[in-house]
Protein backbone atom coordinates (compact mmCIF):
# COMPACT_ATOMS: atom_id res chain seq x y z
CA MET A 1 3.17 33.08 82.47
CA LYS A 2 6.11 32.97 84.85
CA ILE A 3 8.86 30.76 83.48
CA LEU A 4 10.54 28.26 85.76
CA SER A 5 14.31 28.60 85.57
CA ASN A 6 16.68 26.30 87.41
CA LEU A 7 19.65 26.40 85.07
CA GLY A 8 22.02 27.01 87.98
CA ASN A 9 21.31 23.63 89.52
CA SER A 10 21.56 19.98 88.60
CA LEU A 11 21.00 16.64 90.24
CA ALA A 12 24.69 16.31 91.08
CA GLY A 13 24.86 19.91 92.28
CA VAL A 14 21.93 19.53 94.67
CA GLY A 15 23.31 16.32 96.15
CA ASP A 16 26.82 17.70 96.53
CA LEU A 17 25.58 20.90 98.16
CA ILE A 18 23.75 18.92 100.84
CA ASP A 19 26.73 16.59 101.35
CA ALA A 20 29.08 19.56 101.68
CA LYS A 21 26.93 21.06 104.44
CA LYS A 22 26.57 17.67 106.15
CA ALA A 23 30.37 17.29 106.16
CA ILE A 24 30.54 20.42 108.32
CA HIS A 25 27.73 19.25 110.62
CA TRP A 26 24.83 16.91 110.04
CA THR A 27 22.30 19.51 111.20
CA LEU A 28 23.52 21.85 108.46
CA GLY A 29 23.04 19.13 105.87
CA LEU A 30 19.51 18.51 107.12
CA ARG A 31 18.74 22.22 107.04
CA GLN A 32 20.10 22.55 103.50
CA ALA A 33 17.97 19.63 102.32
CA GLU A 34 14.87 21.16 103.89
CA LEU A 35 15.59 24.57 102.33
CA ILE A 36 15.90 23.00 98.88
CA ILE A 37 12.71 21.01 99.40
CA LEU A 38 10.87 24.17 100.45
CA ASP A 39 12.23 26.16 97.51
CA LYS A 40 11.51 23.52 94.87
CA THR A 41 8.04 22.83 96.28
CA ASN A 42 7.14 26.53 96.17
CA VAL A 43 8.54 26.93 92.67
CA LEU A 44 6.58 23.94 91.39
CA ARG A 45 3.38 25.14 93.07
CA THR A 46 3.72 28.69 91.72
CA ASN A 47 4.53 27.60 88.21
CA ASN A 48 1.90 24.87 88.21
CA ASP A 49 -0.72 27.53 89.02
CA SER A 50 0.66 29.72 86.24
CA GLN A 51 0.62 26.81 83.82
CA LEU A 52 -3.02 25.99 84.62
CA LYS A 53 -3.92 29.63 84.06
CA ALA A 54 -2.09 29.60 80.73
CA ILE A 55 -3.95 26.45 79.69
CA ARG A 56 -7.28 28.12 80.46
CA GLU A 57 -6.23 31.14 78.41
CA GLY A 58 -5.20 28.80 75.58
CA ASP A 59 -8.61 27.13 75.65
CA LEU A 60 -10.30 30.53 75.46
CA LEU A 61 -8.15 31.50 72.47
CA GLN A 62 -9.08 28.28 70.72
CA GLU A 63 -12.80 29.06 71.16
CA GLN A 64 -12.28 32.63 69.92
CA LEU A 65 -10.43 31.30 66.91
CA LYS A 66 -13.25 28.90 66.04
CA TYR A 67 -15.82 31.71 66.20
CA LEU A 68 -13.74 34.16 64.16
CA LYS A 69 -13.08 31.56 61.46
CA LEU A 70 -16.80 30.85 61.37
CA VAL A 71 -17.83 34.47 60.72
CA PHE A 72 -14.83 35.51 58.63
CA PRO A 73 -16.09 34.15 55.24
CA ALA A 74 -19.25 36.25 55.52
CA LEU A 75 -17.42 39.44 56.60
CA ARG A 76 -14.11 39.18 54.76
CA CYS A 77 -15.19 41.76 52.14
CA THR A 78 -16.56 44.22 54.68
CA PRO A 79 -14.34 47.35 54.79
CA VAL A 80 -12.10 47.56 57.89
CA LEU A 81 -13.93 44.75 59.68
CA GLY A 82 -12.73 42.14 57.17
CA ILE A 83 -9.10 43.25 57.60
CA TRP A 84 -9.49 43.35 61.39
CA LEU A 85 -10.86 39.80 61.47
CA LYS A 86 -8.03 38.55 59.24
CA ASN A 87 -5.38 40.16 61.45
CA LYS A 88 -7.10 38.96 64.63
CA ILE A 89 -7.11 35.36 63.39
CA ALA A 90 -3.42 35.61 62.47
CA ASP A 91 -2.62 37.10 65.88
CA ILE A 92 -4.42 34.32 67.75
CA ASN A 93 -2.67 31.66 65.66
CA ASP A 94 0.71 33.22 66.54
CA ARG A 95 -0.17 33.30 70.25
CA LEU A 96 -1.23 29.65 70.19
CA SER A 97 1.99 28.65 68.43
CA ARG A 98 4.08 30.46 71.06
CA PHE A 99 2.00 28.86 73.80
CA GLU A 100 2.62 25.34 72.46
CA ALA A 101 6.38 25.96 72.19
CA LEU A 102 6.45 27.41 75.70
CA GLN A 103 4.55 24.44 77.11
CA ALA A 104 7.18 21.99 75.81
CA GLN A 105 10.00 24.06 77.32
CA THR A 106 8.21 24.49 80.64
CA ASN A 107 7.52 20.75 80.91
CA GLN A 108 11.27 20.06 80.65
CA LEU A 109 11.99 22.58 83.41
CA PHE A 110 9.29 21.03 85.60
CA ARG A 111 10.94 17.65 85.05
CA ASP A 112 14.35 18.95 86.19
CA CYS A 113 12.88 20.67 89.22
CA ARG A 114 11.00 17.54 90.29
CA MET A 115 14.16 15.45 90.01
CA GLU A 116 16.08 17.93 92.17
CA LEU A 117 13.26 17.84 94.69
CA ASP A 118 13.48 14.03 94.76
CA VAL A 119 17.24 14.20 95.41
CA ALA A 120 16.78 16.62 98.31
CA ARG A 121 14.05 14.44 99.82
CA LYS A 122 16.24 11.35 99.50
CA LYS A 123 19.20 13.12 101.16
CA LYS A 124 16.96 14.33 103.97
CA GLN A 125 15.68 10.82 104.59
CA GLU A 126 19.25 9.47 104.68
CA ILE A 127 20.21 12.03 107.32
CA LEU A 128 17.11 11.28 109.40
CA GLU A 129 17.90 7.57 109.31
CA GLU A 130 21.49 8.23 110.37
CA TYR A 131 20.48 10.71 113.10
CA PRO A 132 17.01 9.64 114.33
CA GLU A 133 17.15 12.13 117.20
CA ALA A 134 16.38 14.83 114.61
CA GLN A 135 12.78 13.61 114.77
CA GLU A 136 12.78 12.75 118.45
CA LEU A 137 13.89 16.15 119.72
CA THR A 138 12.01 19.41 119.35
CA TYR A 139 13.38 22.30 117.32
CA MET A 140 14.52 24.12 120.47
CA GLN A 141 16.11 20.99 121.91
CA LEU A 142 18.10 20.52 118.72
CA GLN A 143 19.16 24.16 118.84
CA GLU A 144 20.28 23.88 122.44
CA LYS A 145 22.15 20.61 121.87
CA TYR A 146 23.79 21.26 118.51
CA GLY A 147 23.48 24.97 117.74
CA GLN A 148 26.80 26.02 119.27
CA GLU A 149 28.59 22.98 117.88
CA ALA A 150 27.30 23.61 114.36
CA LEU A 151 28.29 27.27 114.58
CA LEU A 152 31.80 26.33 115.69
CA GLU A 153 32.19 23.88 112.81
CA THR A 154 30.87 26.46 110.34
CA ASN A 155 33.40 29.06 111.47
CA PHE A 156 36.20 26.50 111.45
CA ALA A 157 35.30 25.39 107.91
CA TYR A 158 35.53 29.02 106.79
CA ILE A 159 38.96 29.44 108.39
CA GLU A 160 40.26 26.00 107.41
CA ALA A 161 39.75 26.63 103.68
CA ARG A 162 41.85 29.77 103.84
CA LEU A 163 44.54 28.24 106.06
CA ARG A 164 44.93 25.29 103.74
CA SER A 165 45.14 27.66 100.76
CA ALA A 166 48.06 29.45 102.41
CA PHE A 167 49.69 26.20 103.55
CA TYR A 168 49.65 24.60 100.11
CA GLY A 169 50.33 27.80 98.23
CA PHE A 170 46.95 27.85 96.46
CA PRO A 171 45.22 31.09 95.54
CA GLU A 172 42.59 31.70 98.20
CA SER A 173 39.75 31.40 95.70
CA VAL A 174 41.00 27.94 94.65
CA GLY A 175 41.29 26.77 98.25
CA VAL A 176 37.84 28.04 99.13
CA ALA A 177 36.33 26.35 96.07
CA LEU A 178 38.12 23.12 96.97
CA PHE A 179 36.79 23.07 100.53
CA ASP A 180 33.32 24.34 99.72
CA VAL A 181 32.24 20.99 98.26
CA SER A 182 31.57 17.51 99.62
CA PRO A 183 34.52 15.32 100.69
CA GLN A 184 33.86 13.02 97.72
CA MET A 185 33.98 15.91 95.25
CA ARG A 186 37.06 17.31 97.00
CA GLN A 187 38.90 14.01 96.54
CA ALA A 188 38.04 13.91 92.85
CA LEU A 189 39.07 17.54 92.39
CA THR A 190 42.36 16.98 94.26
CA GLU A 191 43.24 14.11 91.93
CA ARG A 192 42.49 16.26 88.88
CA ILE A 193 44.54 19.13 90.30
CA ASN A 194 47.52 16.83 90.93
CA GLN A 195 47.28 15.52 87.37
CA PHE A 196 47.20 19.08 86.05
CA ILE A 197 50.23 20.09 88.12
CA GLN A 198 52.20 17.06 86.93
CA GLN A 199 51.35 17.83 83.32
CA GLN A 200 52.36 21.48 83.67
CA ARG A 201 55.57 20.85 85.62
CA PRO A 202 58.61 21.33 83.31
CA THR A 203 61.14 18.52 83.26
CA ASN A 204 64.62 19.34 84.54
CA ASN A 205 66.12 15.95 83.68
CA LEU A 206 67.76 16.01 80.25
CA GLY A 207 67.82 12.24 80.03
CA GLU A 208 64.12 12.03 80.83
CA ALA A 209 63.41 14.70 78.22
CA ILE A 210 65.37 12.73 75.59
CA VAL A 211 63.60 9.46 76.42
CA ASN A 212 60.20 11.17 76.25
CA ALA A 213 61.13 12.72 72.92
CA ILE A 214 62.22 9.35 71.49
CA TYR A 215 59.08 7.52 72.57
CA SER A 216 56.93 10.25 71.11
CA LEU A 217 58.23 9.29 67.64
CA PRO A 218 56.58 6.70 65.38
CA THR A 219 57.78 3.13 66.03
CA ASP A 220 59.95 2.89 62.88
CA ARG A 221 61.73 6.13 63.73
CA GLN A 222 62.21 5.03 67.32
CA GLN A 223 64.13 1.98 66.07
CA VAL A 224 66.36 4.13 63.86
CA VAL A 225 67.17 6.60 66.66
CA LEU A 226 67.78 3.84 69.21
CA GLY A 227 70.02 2.04 66.71
CA LEU A 228 72.10 5.17 66.14
CA ILE A 229 72.44 5.73 69.88
CA ALA A 230 73.48 2.11 70.41
CA SER A 231 76.06 2.46 67.62
CA GLU A 232 77.49 5.64 69.13
CA VAL A 233 77.63 4.08 72.58
CA GLY A 234 79.44 1.06 71.13
CA SER A 235 81.99 3.33 69.43
CA LEU A 236 82.63 5.24 72.63
CA SER A 237 83.15 2.01 74.55
CA ALA A 238 85.61 0.74 71.96
CA ASN A 239 87.58 3.99 72.11
CA ASP A 240 87.71 3.79 75.86
CA GLU A 241 89.19 0.24 75.67
CA ASN A 242 91.77 1.24 73.04
CA PRO A 243 92.87 4.77 73.87
CA ILE A 244 95.03 6.58 71.35
CA ASN A 245 98.53 7.32 72.66
């Protein structure tokens, strides 16, 4: 039985992929949604057929097992045949156990695939509601009206990611990854990147470093250190008011 595998995708990933394409041009978002719908529908159909076939094979094994268990007591002492029947029964039991385990795993994968299909359908419907002309115009009319525009935006998106990488001093791979997602995801990633940069940036201010060091201490030790500093500052002030001649 062919196993359905969609480990590279997730609900969030499917939605963000469509949104990223839509941010370039709405026709690209619609096309991406339709491609995902087509892919997931075909995968579910293919694997559903395979699953039905596996179920039929499982039913046949169950019937074989019943028959073999029925005749085994009478033939168990027959040379060769008794051993063959014993091994055959054990083999069928093993196959049925593997089949049951596989069914549980496959059902989970079907569940994930159906959810991704639902997300793609929902995104497609949102785009159609926002751009009703997608259903009013023919395929060729859409191509003639938006084909060149979508191509221009696609090429610009490719160039923009690399230009921004150079402008901000990012490695190209980071810039491309940052601009190959939806605007919402890009905003979230930008905030995380800024936090990371701030955390990694070394402090050049000695006073700031001292303050940070003090407030990293337990509260009781903070009071001791601050008291000592206050005492030293007081001594320095007194010396300044009464200089030694």
